[in-house]
C-alpha atoms as a PDB file:
ATOM      1  CA  MET A   1       0.000   0.000   0.000  1.00  0.00           C
ATOM      2  CA  THR A   2       1.283   3.450  -0.901  1.00  0.00           C
ATOM      3  CA  ILE A   3       0.607   6.468   1.289  1.00  0.00           C
ATOM      4  CA  TYR A   4       0.743   9.862  -0.391  1.00  0.00           C
ATOM      5  CA  GLY A   5       1.420  13.127   1.357  1.00  0.00           C
ATOM      6  CA  CYS A   6       2.617  16.617   0.687  1.00  0.00           C
ATOM      7  CA  HIS A   7       6.283  17.235   0.054  1.00  0.00           C
ATOM      8  CA  ASN A   8       6.720  19.388   3.181  1.00  0.00           C
ATOM      9  CA  CYS A   9       5.020  16.804   5.364  1.00  0.00           C
ATOM     10  CA  ARG A  10       7.324  14.076   4.094  1.00  0.00           C
ATOM     11  CA  GLN A  11      10.346  16.294   4.774  1.00  0.00           C
ATOM     12  CA  ASN A  12       9.162  17.051   8.304  1.00  0.00           C
ATOM     13  CA  ASN A  13       8.450  13.397   9.021  1.00  0.00           C
ATOM     14  CA  SER A  14      11.854  12.414   7.639  1.00  0.00           C
ATOM     15  CA  GLN A  15      13.572  14.988   9.821  1.00  0.00           C
ATOM     16  CA  ARG A  16      11.712  13.776  12.915  1.00  0.00           C
ATOM     17  CA  PHE A  17      12.709  10.205  12.073  1.00  0.00           C
ATOM     18  CA  ARG A  18      16.391  11.206  11.837  1.00  0.00           C
ATOM     19  CA  ASN A  19      16.122  13.065  15.138  1.00  0.00           C
ATOM     20  CA  ASP A  20      14.629   9.966  16.794  1.00  0.00           C
ATOM     21  CA  LEU A  21      17.486   7.863  15.511  1.00  0.00           C
ATOM     22  CA  THR A  22      20.132  10.173  16.924  1.00  0.00           C
ATOM     23  CA  ARG A  23      18.387  10.786  20.234  1.00  0.00           C
ATOM     24  CA  SER A  24      19.350   8.374  23.005  1.00  0.00           C
ATOM     25  CA  PRO A  25      16.534   6.685  24.967  1.00  0.00           C
ATOM     26  CA  ASP A  26      17.382   8.790  28.020  1.00  0.00           C
ATOM     27  CA  SER A  27      17.705  12.093  26.229  1.00  0.00           C
ATOM     28  CA  ALA A  28      15.379  14.934  27.097  1.00  0.00           C
ATOM     29  CA  GLN A  29      12.346  15.560  24.914  1.00  0.00           C
ATOM     30  CA  PRO A  30      11.806  18.905  23.131  1.00  0.00           C
ATOM     31  CA  GLY A  31      10.437  21.523  25.477  1.00  0.00           C
ATOM     32  CA  ASN A  32      12.006  19.791  28.478  1.00  0.00           C
ATOM     33  CA  MET A  33      15.694  20.276  27.788  1.00  0.00           C
ATOM     34  CA  PRO A  34      18.006  20.215  30.838  1.00  0.00           C
ATOM     35  CA  ASP A  35      20.234  23.159  31.605  1.00  0.00           C
ATOM     36  CA  THR A  36      23.653  21.840  30.606  1.00  0.00           C
ATOM     37  CA  ALA A  37      25.408  25.146  30.250  1.00  0.00           C
ATOM     38  CA  HIS A  38      26.718  25.089  33.814  1.00  0.00           C
ATOM     39  CA  ARG A  39      26.960  21.342  34.316  1.00  0.00           C
ATOM     40  CA  LYS A  40      30.442  20.237  35.386  1.00  0.00           C
ATOM     41  CA  PRO A  41      31.918  17.663  32.963  1.00  0.00           C
ATOM     42  CA  GLN A  42      32.244  14.147  34.317  1.00  0.00           C
ATOM     43  CA  PRO A  43      35.859  13.552  35.427  1.00  0.00           C
ATOM     44  CA  LEU A  44      38.020  11.176  33.416  1.00  0.00           C
ATOM     45  CA  ARG A  45      39.102   8.040  35.303  1.00  0.00           C
ATOM     46  CA  ALA A  46      42.779   7.411  36.017  1.00  0.00           C
ATOM     47  CA  ALA A  47      44.455   5.066  38.469  1.00  0.00           C
ATOM     48  CA  ILE A  48      47.584   4.474  40.493  1.00  0.00           C
ATOM     49  CA  VAL A  49      48.326   0.775  41.008  1.00  0.00           C
ATOM     50  CA  TYR A  50      50.699  -0.065  43.866  1.00  0.00           C
ATOM     51  CA  ASP A  51      52.592  -3.092  44.978  1.00  0.00           C
ATOM     52  CA  PHE A  52      52.501  -3.219  48.793  1.00  0.00           C
ATOM     53  CA  ASP A  53      55.536  -4.782  50.465  1.00  0.00           C
ATOM     54  CA  GLY A  54      58.599  -2.630  49.794  1.00  0.00           C
ATOM     55  CA  THR A  55      56.485  -0.063  47.928  1.00  0.00           C
ATOM     56  CA  LEU A  56      54.133   1.360  50.537  1.00  0.00           C
ATOM     57  CA  ALA A  57      55.807  -0.197  53.573  1.00  0.00           C
ATOM     58  CA  ARG A  58      59.272  -1.447  54.475  1.00  0.00           C
ATOM     59  CA  GLY A  59      59.887  -5.179  54.348  1.00  0.00           C
ATOM     60  CA  ASN A  60      57.108  -7.763  54.163  1.00  0.00           C
ATOM     61  CA  LEU A  61      54.011  -7.710  56.355  1.00  0.00           C
ATOM     62  CA  GLN A  62      54.652 -11.347  57.289  1.00  0.00           C
ATOM     63  CA  GLU A  63      57.896 -10.270  58.952  1.00  0.00           C
ATOM     64  CA  ARG A  64      56.253  -7.818  61.359  1.00  0.00           C
ATOM     65  CA  SER A  65      54.811 -10.474  63.663  1.00  0.00           C
ATOM     66  CA  PHE A  66      53.642 -13.595  61.847  1.00  0.00           C
ATOM     67  CA  ILE A  67      57.023 -15.188  61.048  1.00  0.00           C
ATOM     68  CA  PRO A  68      58.662 -14.584  64.449  1.00  0.00           C
ATOM     69  CA  ASP A  69      55.576 -14.953  66.682  1.00  0.00           C
ATOM     70  CA  ILE A  70      53.375 -17.485  64.878  1.00  0.00           C
ATOM     71  CA  ALA A  71      55.759 -19.487  62.686  1.00  0.00           C
ATOM     72  CA  GLY A  72      58.513 -19.252  65.289  1.00  0.00           C
ATOM     73  CA  MET A  73      61.294 -18.533  62.784  1.00  0.00           C
ATOM     74  CA  LYS A  74      63.740 -15.792  61.960  1.00  0.00           C
ATOM     75  CA  HIS A  75      62.943 -13.836  58.782  1.00  0.00           C
ATOM     76  CA  ALA A  76      66.063 -14.960  56.944  1.00  0.00           C
ATOM     77  CA  ASP A  77      65.500 -18.593  57.881  1.00  0.00           C
ATOM     78  CA  PHE A  78      61.882 -18.519  56.719  1.00  0.00           C
ATOM     79  CA  TRP A  79      62.679 -17.106  53.260  1.00  0.00           C
ATOM     80  CA  MET A  80      65.701 -19.374  52.899  1.00  0.00           C
ATOM     81  CA  GLU A  81      63.445 -22.363  53.553  1.00  0.00           C
ATOM     82  CA  VAL A  82      60.958 -21.051  50.978  1.00  0.00           C
ATOM     83  CA  LYS A  83      63.691 -20.900  48.339  1.00  0.00           C
ATOM     84  CA  ARG A  84      65.010 -24.336  49.294  1.00  0.00           C
ATOM     85  CA  LEU A  85      61.591 -25.974  49.031  1.00  0.00           C
ATOM     86  CA  ALA A  86      60.716 -24.161  45.806  1.00  0.00           C
ATOM     87  CA  LYS A  87      63.934 -25.381  44.200  1.00  0.00           C
ATOM     88  CA  LEU A  88      63.615 -28.904  45.605  1.00  0.00           C
ATOM     89  CA  GLU A  89      60.029 -29.316  44.398  1.00  0.00           C
ATOM     90  CA  ASP A  90      60.375 -27.071  41.324  1.00  0.00           C
ATOM     91  CA  ALA A  91      57.450 -25.104  42.708  1.00  0.00           C
ATOM     92  CA  ASP A  92      56.155 -21.543  42.693  1.00  0.00           C
ATOM     93  CA  GLU A  93      57.691 -19.509  45.549  1.00  0.00           C
ATOM     94  CA  ILE A  94      54.411 -17.742  46.375  1.00  0.00           C
ATOM     95  CA  LEU A  95      52.539 -21.020  46.850  1.00  0.00           C
ATOM     96  CA  VAL A  96      55.469 -22.401  48.825  1.00  0.00           C
ATOM     97  CA  TYR A  97      55.607 -19.462  51.252  1.00  0.00           C
ATOM     98  CA  MET A  98      51.830 -19.624  51.783  1.00  0.00           C
ATOM     99  CA  HIS A  99      52.103 -23.376  52.463  1.00  0.00           C
ATOM    100  CA  LEU A 100      55.003 -22.805  54.860  1.00  0.00           C
ATOM    101  CA  MET A 101      53.020 -20.170  56.766  1.00  0.00           C
ATOM    102  CA  LEU A 102      50.234 -22.683  57.402  1.00  0.00           C
ATOM    103  CA  ASP A 103      52.571 -25.606  58.052  1.00  0.00           C
ATOM    104  CA  ARG A 104      54.791 -23.848  60.609  1.00  0.00           C
ATOM    105  CA  ALA A 105      51.849 -22.191  62.358  1.00  0.00           C
ATOM    106  CA  ARG A 106      50.076 -25.536  62.819  1.00  0.00           C
ATOM    107  CA  ALA A 107      53.300 -27.146  64.058  1.00  0.00           C
ATOM    108  CA  ALA A 108      53.562 -24.368  66.649  1.00  0.00           C
ATOM    109  CA  GLY A 109      49.938 -24.873  67.721  1.00  0.00           C
ATOM    110  CA  HIS A 110      48.729 -21.595  66.224  1.00  0.00           C
ATOM    111  CA  PRO A 111      45.994 -22.225  63.627  1.00  0.00           C
ATOM    112  CA  VAL A 112      45.895 -19.404  61.074  1.00  0.00           C
ATOM    113  CA  THR A 113      42.636 -17.409  61.029  1.00  0.00           C
ATOM    114  CA  ARG A 114      41.507 -14.356  59.073  1.00  0.00           C
ATOM    115  CA  LYS A 115      41.216 -12.315  62.266  1.00  0.00           C
ATOM    116  CA  GLN A 116      44.745 -13.229  63.308  1.00  0.00           C
ATOM    117  CA  LEU A 117      46.168 -12.343  59.871  1.00  0.00           C
ATOM    118  CA  GLN A 118      44.370  -8.995  59.964  1.00  0.00           C
ATOM    119  CA  ALA A 119      45.940  -8.328  63.366  1.00  0.00           C
ATOM    120  CA  ASN A 120      49.378  -9.276  61.977  1.00  0.00           C
ATOM    121  CA  GLY A 121      48.952  -6.631  59.256  1.00  0.00           C
ATOM    122  CA  SER A 122      47.583  -3.857  61.453  1.00  0.00           C
ATOM    123  CA  ASP A 123      50.869  -2.018  62.018  1.00  0.00           C
ATOM    124  CA  PRO A 124      52.946  -1.762  58.815  1.00  0.00           C
ATOM    125  CA  ASP A 125      56.128   0.297  58.723  1.00  0.00           C
ATOM    126  CA  PHE A 126      54.747   2.751  56.163  1.00  0.00           C
ATOM    127  CA  PHE A 127      57.060   5.045  54.253  1.00  0.00           C
ATOM    128  CA  ASP A 128      56.989   8.736  55.150  1.00  0.00           C
ATOM    129  CA  GLY A 129      54.121  10.837  53.831  1.00  0.00           C
ATOM    130  CA  LEU A 130      51.542   8.107  53.236  1.00  0.00           C
ATOM    131  CA  ASP A 131      49.256   9.401  55.975  1.00  0.00           C
ATOM    132  CA  HIS A 132      48.314  12.391  53.772  1.00  0.00           C
ATOM    133  CA  TRP A 133      49.348  11.081  50.342  1.00  0.00           C
ATOM    134  CA  PHE A 134      45.940   9.944  49.130  1.00  0.00           C
ATOM    135  CA  ASP A 135      44.102  13.144  50.035  1.00  0.00           C
ATOM    136  CA  ARG A 136      46.765  15.300  48.380  1.00  0.00           C
ATOM    137  CA  VAL A 137      47.106  13.343  45.154  1.00  0.00           C
ATOM    138  CA  ASP A 138      43.325  12.920  44.843  1.00  0.00           C
ATOM    139  CA  ALA A 139      42.844  16.670  45.192  1.00  0.00           C
ATOM    140  CA  PHE A 140      45.567  17.331  42.603  1.00  0.00           C
ATOM    141  CA  ALA A 141      43.929  14.898  40.152  1.00  0.00           C
ATOM    142  CA  ASP A 142      40.502  16.416  40.766  1.00  0.00           C
ATOM    143  CA  ASP A 143      41.831  19.875  39.836  1.00  0.00           C
ATOM    144  CA  LEU A 144      42.967  18.375  36.527  1.00  0.00           C
ATOM    145  CA  GLY A 145      39.515  16.916  35.857  1.00  0.00           C
ATOM    146  CA  LEU A 146      40.576  13.363  36.724  1.00  0.00           C
ATOM    147  CA  GLN A 147      38.862  10.880  39.021  1.00  0.00           C
ATOM    148  CA  LEU A 148      41.759   9.019  40.591  1.00  0.00           C
ATOM    149  CA  ASP A 149      41.316   5.475  41.873  1.00  0.00           C
ATOM    150  CA  HIS A 150      43.912   3.530  43.857  1.00  0.00           C
ATOM    151  CA  TYR A 151      44.544  -0.221  43.556  1.00  0.00           C
ATOM    152  CA  ILE A 152      46.921  -2.756  45.051  1.00  0.00           C
ATOM    153  CA  VAL A 153      48.310  -5.719  43.112  1.00  0.00           C
ATOM    154  CA  SER A 154      50.550  -7.661  45.488  1.00  0.00           C
ATOM    155  CA  SER A 155      52.073 -11.069  46.127  1.00  0.00           C
ATOM    156  CA  GLY A 156      51.549 -10.379  49.825  1.00  0.00           C
ATOM    157  CA  ILE A 157      48.649 -11.660  51.915  1.00  0.00           C
ATOM    158  CA  TYR A 158      45.266  -9.994  51.308  1.00  0.00           C
ATOM    159  CA  GLU A 159      44.037 -10.521  54.849  1.00  0.00           C
ATOM    160  CA  MET A 160      47.096  -8.746  56.267  1.00  0.00           C
ATOM    161  CA  ILE A 161      46.600  -5.794  53.918  1.00  0.00           C
ATOM    162  CA  GLU A 162      42.911  -5.860  54.887  1.00  0.00           C
ATOM    163  CA  GLY A 163      43.949  -5.250  58.492  1.00  0.00           C
ATOM    164  CA  CYS A 164      46.137  -2.204  57.767  1.00  0.00           C
ATOM    165  CA  PRO A 165      44.860   1.364  58.328  1.00  0.00           C
ATOM    166  CA  LEU A 166      45.097   2.326  54.641  1.00  0.00           C
ATOM    167  CA  PHE A 167      42.919  -0.520  53.342  1.00  0.00           C
ATOM    168  CA  PRO A 168      39.784   1.682  52.877  1.00  0.00           C
ATOM    169  CA  ARG A 169      41.720   4.007  50.547  1.00  0.00           C
ATOM    170  CA  PHE A 170      41.851   1.423  47.754  1.00  0.00           C
ATOM    171  CA  ARG A 171      39.106   0.743  45.251  1.00  0.00           C
ATOM    172  CA  GLN A 172      40.250  -2.879  45.071  1.00  0.00           C
ATOM    173  CA  VAL A 173      43.053  -4.979  46.525  1.00  0.00           C
ATOM    174  CA  PHE A 174      44.273  -7.925  44.472  1.00  0.00           C
ATOM    175  CA  ALA A 175      46.598 -10.032  46.619  1.00  0.00           C
ATOM    176  CA  SER A 176      47.322 -13.633  47.603  1.00  0.00           C
ATOM    177  CA  ARG A 177      44.699 -15.017  49.960  1.00  0.00           C
ATOM    178  CA  PHE A 178      43.627 -18.164  51.780  1.00  0.00           C
ATOM    179  CA  LEU A 179      40.549 -20.392  51.772  1.00  0.00           C
ATOM    180  CA  TYR A 180      38.933 -21.019  55.194  1.00  0.00           C
ATOM    181  CA  ASP A 181      36.935 -23.839  56.738  1.00  0.00           C
ATOM    182  CA  LYS A 182      33.673 -23.369  58.663  1.00  0.00           C
ATOM    183  CA  ALA A 183      35.599 -22.765  61.864  1.00  0.00           C
ATOM    184  CA  GLY A 184      37.455 -19.873  60.220  1.00  0.00           C
ATOM    185  CA  GLU A 185      40.828 -21.595  59.950  1.00  0.00           C
ATOM    186  CA  ALA A 186      42.951 -21.101  56.823  1.00  0.00           C
ATOM    187  CA  LYS A 187      43.285 -24.396  54.958  1.00  0.00           C
ATOM    188  CA  TRP A 188      44.686 -23.704  51.502  1.00  0.00           C
ATOM    189  CA  PRO A 189      45.792 -20.861  49.224  1.00  0.00           C
ATOM    190  CA  GLY A 190      42.801 -19.441  47.365  1.00  0.00           C
ATOM    191  CA  VAL A 191      44.740 -16.911  45.282  1.00  0.00           C
ATOM    192  CA  ALA A 192      48.500 -16.848  44.702  1.00  0.00           C
ATOM    193  CA  ILE A 193      49.831 -13.841  42.795  1.00  0.00           C
ATOM    194  CA  ASN A 194      53.379 -14.177  41.503  1.00  0.00           C
ATOM    195  CA  TYR A 195      55.673 -12.180  39.226  1.00  0.00           C
ATOM    196  CA  THR A 196      53.854 -12.715  35.959  1.00  0.00           C
ATOM    197  CA  THR A 197      50.284 -13.261  37.151  1.00  0.00           C
ATOM    198  CA  LYS A 198      50.330  -9.688  38.452  1.00  0.00           C
ATOM    199  CA  THR A 199      49.826  -8.606  34.849  1.00  0.00           C
ATOM    200  CA  GLN A 200      46.489 -10.475  34.754  1.00  0.00           C
ATOM    201  CA  PHE A 201      45.153  -8.174  37.436  1.00  0.00           C
ATOM    202  CA  LEU A 202      46.277  -5.098  35.541  1.00  0.00           C
ATOM    203  CA  PHE A 203      44.081  -6.356  32.697  1.00  0.00           C
ATOM    204  CA  ARG A 204      41.212  -6.806  35.153  1.00  0.00           C
ATOM    205  CA  ILE A 205      41.602  -3.158  36.167  1.00  0.00           C
ATOM    206  CA  ASN A 206      41.900  -2.203  32.504  1.00  0.00           C
ATOM    207  CA  LYS A 207      38.610  -3.983  31.667  1.00  0.00           C
ATOM    208  CA  GLY A 208      36.767  -2.911  34.815  1.00  0.00           C
ATOM    209  CA  ILE A 209      36.626  -6.378  36.411  1.00  0.00           C
ATOM    210  CA  ASP A 210      36.806  -5.937  40.187  1.00  0.00           C
ATOM    211  CA  ASN A 211      36.998  -9.640  41.088  1.00  0.00           C
ATOM    212  CA  VAL A 212      39.306 -12.648  40.785  1.00  0.00           C
ATOM    213  CA  HIS A 213      36.936 -15.503  39.934  1.00  0.00           C
ATOM    214  CA  ASP A 214      35.484 -14.315  36.589  1.00  0.00           C
ATOM    215  CA  THR A 215      37.711 -16.027  34.032  1.00  0.00           C
ATOM    216  CA  GLU A 216      35.173 -15.583  31.239  1.00  0.00           C
ATOM    217  CA  ALA A 217      35.174 -11.788  31.510  1.00  0.00           C
ATOM    218  CA  ILE A 218      38.958 -11.451  31.629  1.00  0.00           C
ATOM    219  CA  ASN A 219      39.376 -13.612  28.527  1.00  0.00           C
ATOM    220  CA  ARG A 220      36.572 -11.987  26.515  1.00  0.00           C
ATOM    221  CA  TRP A 221      37.770  -9.781  23.654  1.00  0.00           C
ATOM    222  CA  MET A 222      37.111  -6.111  24.221  1.00  0.00           C
ATOM    223  CA  HIS A 223      37.903  -3.197  21.939  1.00  0.00           C
ATOM    224  CA  ASN A 224      40.369  -0.731  23.440  1.00  0.00           C
ATOM    225  CA  ASP A 225      37.814   2.085  23.256  1.00  0.00           C
ATOM    226  CA  ALA A 226      35.391   0.065  25.387  1.00  0.00           C
ATOM    227  CA  ARG A 227      37.841  -0.644  28.190  1.00  0.00           C
ATOM    228  CA  GLU A 228      37.038   1.115  31.431  1.00  0.00           C
ATOM    229  CA  LEU A 229      40.573   2.226  32.278  1.00  0.00           C
ATOM    230  CA  PRO A 230      43.056   2.380  29.365  1.00  0.00           C
ATOM    231  CA  PHE A 231      46.662   1.583  30.249  1.00  0.00           C
ATOM    232  CA  GLU A 232      47.745   5.068  29.167  1.00  0.00           C
ATOM    233  CA  ARG A 233      45.766   6.419  32.149  1.00  0.00           C
ATOM    234  CA  MET A 234      47.459   4.007  34.564  1.00  0.00           C
ATOM    235  CA  ILE A 235      50.472   4.638  36.832  1.00  0.00           C
ATOM    236  CA  PHE A 236      52.163   1.573  38.338  1.00  0.00           C
ATOM    237  CA  ILE A 237      54.414   1.916  41.397  1.00  0.00           C
ATOM    238  CA  GLY A 238      56.511  -1.067  42.493  1.00  0.00           C
ATOM    239  CA  ASP A 239      59.773  -1.783  44.241  1.00  0.00           C
ATOM    240  CA  GLY A 240      61.621  -4.580  42.567  1.00  0.00           C
ATOM    241  CA  ASP A 241      62.043  -7.726  40.531  1.00  0.00           C
ATOM    242  CA  THR A 242      58.557  -9.093  41.259  1.00  0.00           C
ATOM    243  CA  ASP A 243      57.063  -5.982  39.651  1.00  0.00           C
ATOM    244  CA  ILE A 244      59.196  -5.876  36.500  1.00  0.00           C
ATOM    245  CA  PRO A 245      56.727  -7.709  34.205  1.00  0.00           C
ATOM    246  CA  SER A 246      53.953  -5.326  35.299  1.00  0.00           C
ATOM    247  CA  MET A 247      56.171  -2.275  34.854  1.00  0.00           C
ATOM    248  CA  LYS A 248      57.203  -3.353  31.389  1.00  0.00           C
ATOM    249  CA  MET A 249      53.651  -4.110  30.308  1.00  0.00           C
ATOM    250  CA  VAL A 250      52.257  -0.802  31.554  1.00  0.00           C
ATOM    251  CA  THR A 251      54.984   1.238  29.847  1.00  0.00           C
ATOM    252  CA  SER A 252      54.653  -0.731  26.600  1.00  0.00           C
ATOM    253  CA  GLN A 253      50.923   0.107  26.581  1.00  0.00           C
ATOM    254  CA  GLY A 254      51.517   3.837  27.020  1.00  0.00           C
ATOM    255  CA  GLY A 255      51.234   4.073  30.792  1.00  0.00           C
ATOM    256  CA  CYS A 256      53.769   5.132  33.409  1.00  0.00           C
ATOM    257  CA  ALA A 257      55.811   2.815  35.656  1.00  0.00           C
ATOM    258  CA  ILE A 258      57.761   4.071  38.654  1.00  0.00           C
ATOM    259  CA  ALA A 259      60.260   1.950  40.577  1.00  0.00           C
ATOM    260  CA  VAL A 260      60.734   2.979  44.214  1.00  0.00           C
ATOM    261  CA  LEU A 261      63.422   2.039  46.717  1.00  0.00           C
ATOM    262  CA  ASP A 262      63.658   2.433  50.470  1.00  0.00           C
ATOM    263  CA  PRO A 263      65.228   5.891  50.996  1.00  0.00           C
ATOM    264  CA  TYR A 264      67.688   4.374  53.483  1.00  0.00           C
ATOM    265  CA  GLN A 265      68.973   2.048  50.758  1.00  0.00           C
ATOM    266  CA  TRP A 266      69.042   4.658  48.001  1.00  0.00           C
ATOM    267  CA  THR A 267      72.815   5.190  48.056  1.00  0.00           C
ATOM    268  CA  GLU A 268      73.856   1.567  48.575  1.00  0.00           C
ATOM    269  CA  PRO A 269      75.907   0.163  45.655  1.00  0.00           C
ATOM    270  CA  ARG A 270      73.537  -2.782  45.219  1.00  0.00           C
ATOM    271  CA  SER A 271      70.528  -0.462  45.035  1.00  0.00           C
ATOM    272  CA  LEU A 272      72.259   1.845  42.586  1.00  0.00           C
ATOM    273  CA  ASP A 273      73.059  -1.152  40.391  1.00  0.00           C
ATOM    274  CA  LYS A 274      69.378  -2.130  40.423  1.00  0.00           C
ATOM    275  CA  VAL A 275      68.366   1.415  39.451  1.00  0.00           C
ATOM    276  CA  ALA A 276      70.867   1.483  36.609  1.00  0.00           C
ATOM    277  CA  ARG A 277      69.703  -1.915  35.339  1.00  0.00           C
ATOM    278  CA  LEU A 278      66.013  -0.978  35.367  1.00  0.00           C
ATOM    279  CA  ILE A 279      66.742   2.161  33.357  1.00  0.00           C
ATOM    280  CA  ALA A 280      69.167   0.469  30.950  1.00  0.00           C
ATOM    281  CA  GLU A 281      66.687  -2.329  30.204  1.00  0.00           C
ATOM    282  CA  ASP A 282      63.874   0.181  29.595  1.00  0.00           C
ATOM    283  CA  ARG A 283      61.698  -1.473  32.234  1.00  0.00           C
ATOM    284  CA  VAL A 284      60.514   1.688  33.988  1.00  0.00           C
ATOM    285  CA  SER A 285      59.676   5.298  33.237  1.00  0.00           C
ATOM    286  CA  TYR A 286      61.185   6.705  36.457  1.00  0.00           C
ATOM    287  CA  VAL A 287      63.040   5.621  39.603  1.00  0.00           C
ATOM    288  CA  ALA A 288      62.695   7.423  42.937  1.00  0.00           C
ATOM    289  CA  PRO A 289      63.015   6.934  46.717  1.00  0.00           C
ATOM    290  CA  ALA A 290      59.806   5.656  48.342  1.00  0.00           C
ATOM    291  CA  ASP A 291      59.112   9.034  49.925  1.00  0.00           C
ATOM    292  CA  TYR A 292      55.462  10.128  49.690  1.00  0.00           C
ATOM    293  CA  GLN A 293      55.930  13.522  51.333  1.00  0.00           C
ATOM    294  CA  PRO A 294      55.032  16.810  49.595  1.00  0.00           C
ATOM    295  CA  LYS A 295      57.638  18.021  47.074  1.00  0.00           C
ATOM    296  CA  SER A 296      59.535  14.730  47.201  1.00  0.00           C
ATOM    297  CA  GLN A 297      60.924  13.322  43.969  1.00  0.00           C
ATOM    298  CA  LEU A 298      58.114  10.746  43.858  1.00  0.00           C
ATOM    299  CA  ASP A 299      55.485  13.408  44.525  1.00  0.00           C
ATOM    300  CA  VAL A 300      56.737  15.494  41.591  1.00  0.00           C
ATOM    301  CA  ILE A 301      56.914  12.484  39.251  1.00  0.00           C
ATOM    302  CA  VAL A 302      53.372  11.285  40.023  1.00  0.00           C
ATOM    303  CA  LYS A 303      51.911  14.771  39.612  1.00  0.00           C
ATOM    304  CA  GLY A 304      53.768  15.149  36.327  1.00  0.00           C
ATOM    305  CA  ALA A 305      52.423  11.790  35.122  1.00  0.00           C
ATOM    306  CA  LEU A 306      48.868  12.814  36.062  1.00  0.00           C
ATOM    307  CA  GLY A 307      49.342  16.101  34.228  1.00  0.00           C
ATOM    308  CA  ARG A 308      50.445  14.211  31.127  1.00  0.00           C
ATOM    309  CA  ILE A 309      47.335  11.998  31.318  1.00  0.00           C
ATOM    310  CA  ALA A 310      45.173  15.115  31.489  1.00  0.00           C
ATOM    311  CA  LEU A 311      46.954  16.796  28.568  1.00  0.00           C
ATOM    312  CA  ARG A 312      46.658  13.698  26.387  1.00  0.00           C
ATOM    313  CA  ALA A 313      42.943  13.640  27.100  1.00  0.00           C
ATOM    314  CA  GLY A 314      42.581  17.260  26.043  1.00  0.00           C
ATOM    315  CA  LEU A 315      41.891  18.570  29.542  1.00  0.00           C
ATOM    316  CA  LYS A 316      43.070  22.030  30.495  1.00  0.00           C
ATOM    317  CA  VAL A 317      46.218  21.970  32.614  1.00  0.00           C
ATOM    318  CA  ASP A 318      47.256  25.262  34.227  1.00  0.00           C
ATOM    319  CA  ALA A 319      50.927  26.137  33.887  1.00  0.00           C
END
């Protein structure tokens, strides 16, 4: 059936049809348009991803109380035994140290519980400046038009990090963790994050997957433009060899990687050799002491990296 109409009517109907196609389902209807002239633009998401042990705090959280008090061993002896067992069994060191934690604690009559692990992580030896770091860097990012999220990707124990005062500052913490029985006792490693599997969790952040269990989502193809947090808006801060694959991946994808060292070790020959090697091998963007105080070298580098993210995104950055 053919419907005839005037030329002007057909033009008007055609124009309305095109308008309907281009209008989103949630867009305002004519005569009810919102006042967008003074609406503040939505901030662009960016993120800083941190290792924990040696990056935010000195040493390993296990060494603060768990190894000497629960496992009944000296730090050096514990890690030496981890390396011996890993070599003997040709096993992953992260799984071995988690097994040894449970094994030595049981032998000493101290079953490992979530509550006890949280207590073991409640008093880290944080590097200087971290008490105000998050507020300052968040405010700086906000002035640039960036919404800054903070993540941890660590081989350390999740439950210990969960017990530390800074835990609420992170959008998500990806770390090694235990499985528990009905009585609340740790029985087996549930997640073990080693050198190379750290990169998996960077992809989870990149795709907006805030969990560990969803293997389908992490493996699903996703166009770069659809990813929630592109790598070029990601800053990774780590302290050593366990972070090198993550550093290299982030920099190769256009992001920024910063290697930090304990300020007290900054001038030691071994530390200087590590710094030189990281730079020579093009593994990192910058190297700095782990000093989070205002106007420190790390503070300047992170603010510069955030400014570069904003400039690349076309946001106005005041000189």
